[in-house]
C-alpha atoms as a PDB file:
ATOM      1  CA  MET A   1      29.132 -16.364  26.159  1.00  0.00           C
ATOM      2  CA  ALA A   2      25.601 -15.519  27.301  1.00  0.00           C
ATOM      3  CA  GLY A   3      24.652 -11.875  27.400  1.00  0.00           C
ATOM      4  CA  LYS A   4      23.323 -10.094  30.460  1.00  0.00           C
ATOM      5  CA  PRO A   5      21.159  -7.100  31.312  1.00  0.00           C
ATOM      6  CA  ILE A   6      23.364  -4.009  31.379  1.00  0.00           C
ATOM      7  CA  LYS A   7      23.555  -1.656  34.320  1.00  0.00           C
ATOM      8  CA  ILE A   8      22.319   1.578  32.777  1.00  0.00           C
ATOM      9  CA  SER A   9      24.903   3.588  34.706  1.00  0.00           C
ATOM     10  CA  THR A  10      27.464   2.170  32.267  1.00  0.00           C
ATOM     11  CA  VAL A  11      25.512   3.036  29.074  1.00  0.00           C
ATOM     12  CA  ASP A  12      25.884   6.186  27.008  1.00  0.00           C
ATOM     13  CA  LYS A  13      25.690   5.049  23.406  1.00  0.00           C
ATOM     14  CA  ILE A  14      24.307   1.746  22.150  1.00  0.00           C
ATOM     15  CA  ASP A  15      26.611  -0.612  20.271  1.00  0.00           C
ATOM     16  CA  HIS A  16      24.228  -2.726  18.172  1.00  0.00           C
ATOM     17  CA  LYS A  17      26.914  -5.316  17.479  1.00  0.00           C
ATOM     18  CA  LYS A  18      27.150  -6.104  21.179  1.00  0.00           C
ATOM     19  CA  GLN A  19      23.903  -4.819  22.674  1.00  0.00           C
ATOM     20  CA  LEU A  20      20.207  -5.540  22.140  1.00  0.00           C
ATOM     21  CA  ILE A  21      17.412  -3.078  22.912  1.00  0.00           C
ATOM     22  CA  VAL A  22      14.562  -4.887  24.670  1.00  0.00           C
ATOM     23  CA  PHE A  23      11.134  -3.272  24.983  1.00  0.00           C
ATOM     24  CA  THR A  24       8.911  -4.581  27.775  1.00  0.00           C
ATOM     25  CA  HIS A  25       5.486  -3.996  26.242  1.00  0.00           C
ATOM     26  CA  ILE A  26       2.901  -3.459  28.959  1.00  0.00           C
ATOM     27  CA  PRO A  27      -0.546  -3.956  27.358  1.00  0.00           C
ATOM     28  CA  LYS A  28      -2.607  -0.814  26.746  1.00  0.00           C
ATOM     29  CA  SER A  29       0.318   1.508  27.449  1.00  0.00           C
ATOM     30  CA  GLY A  30       1.099   2.828  23.985  1.00  0.00           C
ATOM     31  CA  GLY A  31       3.162  -0.189  23.007  1.00  0.00           C
ATOM     32  CA  THR A  32       1.983  -0.608  19.413  1.00  0.00           C
ATOM     33  CA  SER A  33       3.063   2.940  18.577  1.00  0.00           C
ATOM     34  CA  PHE A  34       6.336   2.380  20.420  1.00  0.00           C
ATOM     35  CA  HIS A  35       7.074  -0.816  18.466  1.00  0.00           C
ATOM     36  CA  ALA A  36       6.611   1.070  15.209  1.00  0.00           C
ATOM     37  CA  ALA A  37       8.897   3.908  16.297  1.00  0.00           C
ATOM     38  CA  LEU A  38      11.624   1.502  17.425  1.00  0.00           C
ATOM     39  CA  ASN A  39      11.357  -0.369  14.142  1.00  0.00           C
ATOM     40  CA  ALA A  40      11.910   2.859  12.219  1.00  0.00           C
ATOM     41  CA  ILE A  41      14.784   4.057  14.401  1.00  0.00           C
ATOM     42  CA  LEU A  42      16.513   0.675  14.090  1.00  0.00           C
ATOM     43  CA  ASN A  43      16.194   0.582  10.299  1.00  0.00           C
ATOM     44  CA  LEU A  44      13.648  -2.254  10.346  1.00  0.00           C
ATOM     45  CA  ASN A  45      16.056  -4.482  12.284  1.00  0.00           C
ATOM     46  CA  TYR A  46      13.554  -4.817  15.120  1.00  0.00           C
ATOM     47  CA  LEU A  47      11.075  -7.577  15.950  1.00  0.00           C
ATOM     48  CA  HIS A  48       7.715  -7.278  17.668  1.00  0.00           C
ATOM     49  CA  LEU A  49       7.893 -10.728  19.224  1.00  0.00           C
ATOM     50  CA  ILE A  50       4.880 -12.923  19.913  1.00  0.00           C
ATOM     51  CA  PRO A  51       6.497 -15.800  21.832  1.00  0.00           C
ATOM     52  CA  GLY A  52       5.836 -19.153  20.237  1.00  0.00           C
ATOM     53  CA  HIS A  53       4.627 -17.596  16.977  1.00  0.00           C
ATOM     54  CA  ASN A  54       7.424 -15.590  15.363  1.00  0.00           C
ATOM     55  CA  ASN A  55      10.520 -16.451  17.373  1.00  0.00           C
ATOM     56  CA  PRO A  56      13.567 -15.263  15.413  1.00  0.00           C
ATOM     57  CA  PRO A  57      16.008 -17.878  14.109  1.00  0.00           C
ATOM     58  CA  ASP A  58      18.865 -15.659  15.326  1.00  0.00           C
ATOM     59  CA  ILE A  59      17.972 -13.125  17.992  1.00  0.00           C
ATOM     60  CA  ASP A  60      21.499 -11.698  17.903  1.00  0.00           C
ATOM     61  CA  ALA A  61      21.039 -10.604  14.293  1.00  0.00           C
ATOM     62  CA  LEU A  62      18.515  -8.055  15.596  1.00  0.00           C
ATOM     63  CA  SER A  63      19.134  -4.584  16.993  1.00  0.00           C
ATOM     64  CA  GLY A  64      15.963  -4.629  19.077  1.00  0.00           C
ATOM     65  CA  ILE A  65      13.085  -6.817  20.181  1.00  0.00           C
ATOM     66  CA  GLY A  66       9.934  -6.227  22.196  1.00  0.00           C
ATOM     67  CA  GLY A  67       6.698  -7.822  23.291  1.00  0.00           C
ATOM     68  CA  HIS A  68       4.430  -8.941  26.118  1.00  0.00           C
ATOM     69  CA  PHE A  69       7.090 -10.782  28.083  1.00  0.00           C
ATOM     70  CA  ASN A  70       8.559 -10.082  31.462  1.00  0.00           C
ATOM     71  CA  PHE A  71      11.998  -8.808  32.409  1.00  0.00           C
ATOM     72  CA  GLU A  72      14.713 -11.361  31.509  1.00  0.00           C
ATOM     73  CA  SER A  73      12.152 -13.719  30.004  1.00  0.00           C
ATOM     74  CA  PRO A  74      13.424 -16.986  28.436  1.00  0.00           C
ATOM     75  CA  SER A  75      12.089 -15.505  25.198  1.00  0.00           C
ATOM     76  CA  ILE A  76      15.098 -13.178  25.080  1.00  0.00           C
ATOM     77  CA  ASN A  77      17.607 -14.031  27.830  1.00  0.00           C
ATOM     78  CA  HIS A  78      19.376 -16.607  25.635  1.00  0.00           C
ATOM     79  CA  SER A  79      20.791 -13.768  23.529  1.00  0.00           C
ATOM     80  CA  GLU A  80      24.560 -13.509  23.485  1.00  0.00           C
ATOM     81  CA  LYS A  81      24.217  -9.734  23.302  1.00  0.00           C
ATOM     82  CA  ASP A  82      23.949  -7.665  26.456  1.00  0.00           C
ATOM     83  CA  ARG A  83      20.444  -6.283  26.927  1.00  0.00           C
ATOM     84  CA  ILE A  84      19.347  -2.674  27.353  1.00  0.00           C
ATOM     85  CA  TYR A  85      15.754  -2.389  28.540  1.00  0.00           C
ATOM     86  CA  THR A  86      13.058   0.194  27.882  1.00  0.00           C
ATOM     87  CA  THR A  87       9.359   0.481  28.753  1.00  0.00           C
ATOM     88  CA  LEU A  88       6.376   2.772  29.214  1.00  0.00           C
ATOM     89  CA  VAL A  89       3.993   2.644  32.180  1.00  0.00           C
ATOM     90  CA  ARG A  90       0.462   3.976  32.550  1.00  0.00           C
ATOM     91  CA  HIS A  91      -1.816   4.963  35.392  1.00  0.00           C
ATOM     92  CA  PRO A  92      -3.574   1.712  36.391  1.00  0.00           C
ATOM     93  CA  VAL A  93      -7.070   3.194  36.152  1.00  0.00           C
ATOM     94  CA  ASP A  94      -6.485   4.553  32.640  1.00  0.00           C
ATOM     95  CA  ARG A  95      -4.758   1.348  31.541  1.00  0.00           C
ATOM     96  CA  LEU A  96      -7.480  -0.960  32.794  1.00  0.00           C
ATOM     97  CA  VAL A  97     -10.352   1.136  31.462  1.00  0.00           C
ATOM     98  CA  SER A  98      -8.603   1.032  28.086  1.00  0.00           C
ATOM     99  CA  PHE A  99      -8.194  -2.733  28.477  1.00  0.00           C
ATOM    100  CA  TYR A 100     -11.917  -3.098  29.245  1.00  0.00           C
ATOM    101  CA  LYS A 101     -12.867  -1.117  26.120  1.00  0.00           C
ATOM    102  CA  HIS A 102     -10.434  -3.147  24.029  1.00  0.00           C
ATOM    103  CA  VAL A 103     -11.938  -6.472  25.118  1.00  0.00           C
ATOM    104  CA  ILE A 104     -15.603  -5.433  24.992  1.00  0.00           C
ATOM    105  CA  ALA A 105     -15.173  -4.171  21.422  1.00  0.00           C
ATOM    106  CA  ARG A 106     -13.678  -7.510  20.328  1.00  0.00           C
ATOM    107  CA  PRO A 107     -15.961 -10.532  20.858  1.00  0.00           C
ATOM    108  CA  GLY A 108     -13.214 -12.685  19.330  1.00  0.00           C
ATOM    109  CA  HIS A 109     -10.768 -11.767  22.081  1.00  0.00           C
ATOM    110  CA  HIS A 110      -9.702 -14.818  24.064  1.00  0.00           C
ATOM    111  CA  LEU A 111     -11.376 -13.594  27.272  1.00  0.00           C
ATOM    112  CA  PRO A 112     -14.987 -13.319  25.982  1.00  0.00           C
ATOM    113  CA  VAL A 113     -14.483 -16.409  23.827  1.00  0.00           C
ATOM    114  CA  GLN A 114     -13.831 -18.333  27.033  1.00  0.00           C
ATOM    115  CA  ASN A 115     -16.393 -16.366  29.093  1.00  0.00           C
ATOM    116  CA  PRO A 116     -19.089 -14.782  26.863  1.00  0.00           C
ATOM    117  CA  ASP A 117     -20.858 -13.199  29.861  1.00  0.00           C
ATOM    118  CA  LEU A 118     -18.007 -10.677  30.097  1.00  0.00           C
ATOM    119  CA  LEU A 119     -19.372  -8.839  27.064  1.00  0.00           C
ATOM    120  CA  GLU A 120     -22.524  -7.898  28.985  1.00  0.00           C
ATOM    121  CA  MET A 121     -20.767  -6.581  32.082  1.00  0.00           C
ATOM    122  CA  ASP A 122     -20.017  -3.044  33.176  1.00  0.00           C
ATOM    123  CA  ALA A 123     -16.369  -2.278  33.931  1.00  0.00           C
ATOM    124  CA  LEU A 124     -16.481  -2.980  37.659  1.00  0.00           C
ATOM    125  CA  SER A 125     -18.290  -6.301  37.225  1.00  0.00           C
ATOM    126  CA  PHE A 126     -15.859  -7.200  34.417  1.00  0.00           C
ATOM    127  CA  PHE A 127     -12.784  -6.701  36.605  1.00  0.00           C
ATOM    128  CA  LYS A 128     -14.321  -8.510  39.563  1.00  0.00           C
ATOM    129  CA  ALA A 129     -15.231 -11.461  37.335  1.00  0.00           C
ATOM    130  CA  LEU A 130     -11.703 -11.676  35.934  1.00  0.00           C
ATOM    131  CA  SER A 131     -10.258 -11.470  39.428  1.00  0.00           C
ATOM    132  CA  ASP A 132     -12.528 -14.320  40.549  1.00  0.00           C
ATOM    133  CA  LEU A 133     -11.272 -16.334  37.569  1.00  0.00           C
ATOM    134  CA  GLY A 134      -7.673 -15.771  38.701  1.00  0.00           C
ATOM    135  CA  ASN A 135      -6.798 -13.721  35.626  1.00  0.00           C
ATOM    136  CA  ASN A 136      -3.550 -11.804  36.270  1.00  0.00           C
ATOM    137  CA  GLU A 137      -4.092  -9.292  33.443  1.00  0.00           C
ATOM    138  CA  VAL A 138      -5.974  -7.070  35.899  1.00  0.00           C
ATOM    139  CA  ASP A 139      -3.776  -7.681  38.945  1.00  0.00           C
ATOM    140  CA  ASN A 140      -0.604  -5.564  39.106  1.00  0.00           C
ATOM    141  CA  LEU A 141       0.369  -6.617  35.572  1.00  0.00           C
ATOM    142  CA  GLN A 142       2.874  -3.784  35.182  1.00  0.00           C
ATOM    143  CA  CYS A 143       4.915  -4.967  38.153  1.00  0.00           C
ATOM    144  CA  ARG A 144       4.629  -8.570  36.940  1.00  0.00           C
ATOM    145  CA  LEU A 145       6.189  -7.674  33.614  1.00  0.00           C
ATOM    146  CA  LEU A 146       8.960  -5.605  35.160  1.00  0.00           C
ATOM    147  CA  CYS A 147       9.995  -8.406  37.533  1.00  0.00           C
ATOM    148  CA  GLU A 148      11.779 -11.601  36.529  1.00  0.00           C
ATOM    149  CA  HIS A 149       9.795 -13.722  38.987  1.00  0.00           C
ATOM    150  CA  GLY A 150       7.578 -13.362  42.042  1.00  0.00           C
ATOM    151  CA  PRO A 151       6.801 -11.861  44.392  1.00  0.00           C
ATOM    152  CA  TYR A 152       5.773  -9.160  41.927  1.00  0.00           C
ATOM    153  CA  THR A 153       6.237  -6.041  43.992  1.00  0.00           C
ATOM    154  CA  ALA A 154       6.714  -2.390  43.151  1.00  0.00           C
ATOM    155  CA  GLN A 155       9.954  -2.454  45.122  1.00  0.00           C
ATOM    156  CA  LYS A 156      11.442  -5.132  42.851  1.00  0.00           C
ATOM    157  CA  ALA A 157      10.105  -3.488  39.699  1.00  0.00           C
ATOM    158  CA  ILE A 158      11.532  -0.101  40.692  1.00  0.00           C
ATOM    159  CA  GLN A 159      14.910  -1.646  41.478  1.00  0.00           C
ATOM    160  CA  ASN A 160      15.001  -3.250  38.018  1.00  0.00           C
ATOM    161  CA  ILE A 161      14.075   0.070  36.445  1.00  0.00           C
ATOM    162  CA  GLU A 162      16.821   1.914  38.306  1.00  0.00           C
ATOM    163  CA  ASP A 163      19.388  -0.748  37.435  1.00  0.00           C
ATOM    164  CA  PHE A 164      18.540  -1.886  33.919  1.00  0.00           C
ATOM    165  CA  TYR A 165      16.003   0.353  32.157  1.00  0.00           C
ATOM    166  CA  ALA A 166      17.663   3.009  30.040  1.00  0.00           C
ATOM    167  CA  VAL A 167      14.213   4.471  29.472  1.00  0.00           C
ATOM    168  CA  CYS A 168      11.159   4.057  31.704  1.00  0.00           C
ATOM    169  CA  LEU A 169       8.631   6.849  31.393  1.00  0.00           C
ATOM    170  CA  PRO A 170       4.879   7.345  31.732  1.00  0.00           C
ATOM    171  CA  LEU A 171       2.840   6.999  28.551  1.00  0.00           C
ATOM    172  CA  SER A 172       2.360  10.765  28.481  1.00  0.00           C
ATOM    173  CA  ALA A 173       6.125  11.090  27.845  1.00  0.00           C
ATOM    174  CA  GLN A 174       6.219   8.600  24.978  1.00  0.00           C
ATOM    175  CA  GLN A 175       7.781  11.098  22.585  1.00  0.00           C
ATOM    176  CA  LYS A 176      10.540  11.866  25.083  1.00  0.00           C
ATOM    177  CA  ALA A 177      11.236   8.138  25.369  1.00  0.00           C
ATOM    178  CA  ILE A 178      11.671   7.802  21.612  1.00  0.00           C
ATOM    179  CA  ASN A 179      13.883  10.908  21.467  1.00  0.00           C
ATOM    180  CA  THR A 180      16.126   9.431  24.165  1.00  0.00           C
ATOM    181  CA  ILE A 181      16.484   6.066  22.445  1.00  0.00           C
ATOM    182  CA  ALA A 182      17.164   7.694  19.077  1.00  0.00           C
ATOM    183  CA  LYS A 183      19.924   9.770  20.648  1.00  0.00           C
ATOM    184  CA  MET A 184      21.467   6.689  22.279  1.00  0.00           C
ATOM    185  CA  CYS A 185      21.427   4.962  18.876  1.00  0.00           C
ATOM    186  CA  ASN A 186      22.917   8.029  17.175  1.00  0.00           C
ATOM    187  CA  ARG A 187      19.863   8.187  14.930  1.00  0.00           C
ATOM    188  CA  ASN A 188      17.406  10.922  14.047  1.00  0.00           C
ATOM    189  CA  SER A 189      14.267  10.868  16.131  1.00  0.00           C
ATOM    190  CA  LEU A 190      10.760  10.832  14.674  1.00  0.00           C
ATOM    191  CA  LYS A 191       7.271  11.797  15.684  1.00  0.00           C
ATOM    192  CA  VAL A 192       5.411   8.955  17.353  1.00  0.00           C
ATOM    193  CA  GLN A 193       2.296   7.949  15.444  1.00  0.00           C
ATOM    194  CA  LYS A 194      -0.716   6.919  17.525  1.00  0.00           C
ATOM    195  CA  LEU A 195      -1.557   3.368  16.486  1.00  0.00           C
ATOM    196  CA  ASN A 196      -4.023   0.740  17.714  1.00  0.00           C
ATOM    197  CA  THR A 197      -6.543   3.430  18.660  1.00  0.00           C
ATOM    198  CA  SER A 198      -9.408   2.099  16.550  1.00  0.00           C
ATOM    199  CA  THR A 199     -11.476   0.839  19.494  1.00  0.00           C
ATOM    200  CA  PRO A 200     -15.008   2.264  19.149  1.00  0.00           C
ATOM    201  CA  LYS A 201     -15.855   4.848  21.761  1.00  0.00           C
ATOM    202  CA  LEU A 202     -17.648   3.246  24.681  1.00  0.00           C
ATOM    203  CA  ASN A 203     -19.287   5.207  27.426  1.00  0.00           C
ATOM    204  CA  VAL A 204     -17.580   3.888  30.530  1.00  0.00           C
ATOM    205  CA  GLU A 205     -18.673   5.563  33.741  1.00  0.00           C
ATOM    206  CA  ILE A 206     -15.571   6.111  35.864  1.00  0.00           C
ATOM    207  CA  THR A 207     -17.220   5.941  39.263  1.00  0.00           C
ATOM    208  CA  PRO A 208     -15.456   6.461  42.600  1.00  0.00           C
ATOM    209  CA  GLU A 209     -16.196   2.786  43.345  1.00  0.00           C
ATOM    210  CA  LEU A 210     -14.467   1.692  40.113  1.00  0.00           C
ATOM    211  CA  ILE A 211     -11.445   3.874  40.848  1.00  0.00           C
ATOM    212  CA  ARG A 212     -11.153   2.543  44.409  1.00  0.00           C
ATOM    213  CA  TYR A 213     -11.444  -1.046  43.209  1.00  0.00           C
ATOM    214  CA  ILE A 214      -8.720  -0.690  40.566  1.00  0.00           C
ATOM    215  CA  GLU A 215      -6.378   1.224  42.855  1.00  0.00           C
ATOM    216  CA  ASN A 216      -6.853  -1.296  45.688  1.00  0.00           C
ATOM    217  CA  THR A 217      -6.377  -4.390  43.527  1.00  0.00           C
ATOM    218  CA  ASN A 218      -3.430  -2.787  41.750  1.00  0.00           C
ATOM    219  CA  SER A 219      -1.723  -1.156  44.718  1.00  0.00           C
ATOM    220  CA  GLU A 220       1.751  -2.310  43.608  1.00  0.00           C
ATOM    221  CA  ASP A 221       1.186  -0.867  40.129  1.00  0.00           C
ATOM    222  CA  MET A 222      -0.016   2.377  41.715  1.00  0.00           C
ATOM    223  CA  THR A 223       3.216   2.641  43.703  1.00  0.00           C
ATOM    224  CA  LEU A 224       5.239   1.862  40.586  1.00  0.00           C
ATOM    225  CA  TYR A 225       3.427   4.424  38.458  1.00  0.00           C
ATOM    226  CA  GLU A 226       3.668   7.158  41.077  1.00  0.00           C
ATOM    227  CA  HIS A 227       7.434   6.533  41.333  1.00  0.00           C
ATOM    228  CA  VAL A 228       7.968   6.734  37.562  1.00  0.00           C
ATOM    229  CA  GLN A 229       5.735   9.809  37.287  1.00  0.00           C
ATOM    230  CA  LYS A 230       7.687  11.569  40.047  1.00  0.00           C
ATOM    231  CA  GLN A 231      11.061  10.665  38.544  1.00  0.00           C
ATOM    232  CA  SER A 232      10.042  11.937  35.113  1.00  0.00           C
ATOM    233  CA  ALA A 233       8.740  15.299  36.353  1.00  0.00           C
END
């Protein structure tokens, strides 16, 4: 029998024989550190999935799985276990500035490999160029990943969070998220280690124009983030 996403109102403790923790990893939102913490809490029975590269031979042998895939993705929805979701969100301006730094510091990243001119652009020009190219990594990506299919709206993402995400907190509450999951798994919590922070410091001028551009082009993500921030206060 195929598993299903579990209504979180019915969850208190996690039964790893019947339930699978699924982490929706939103890029540049503390996900690498979160993967490592989940792996430790789940006694190494966790997979950081890169679809098409390290797909597990038996997903139901795992206690948890996470990666850059959207809610109820085909990468995980074939599991016979019921699925308990978790994620972290980040303010769109902070997330996208971090994304810009990440790409600019890595000439081998797929974006500058395909479009070398990106490496010479300031942040605003970079985002406008990606938008012109139809790249959805800078267009309400958080809502896209928290929705099963389009339209990718904050309303749909928030409904999924309220129904199926046992933990959805802002990045600033990452430690609280890990404490909550550890408690649900009846395991000791641990201090989250900050990983994937090796990007060289780049002087990015956060101008009012840049802020307006990001907030306007990511209005659904702004609504989503503000909702999660308010709920976590």
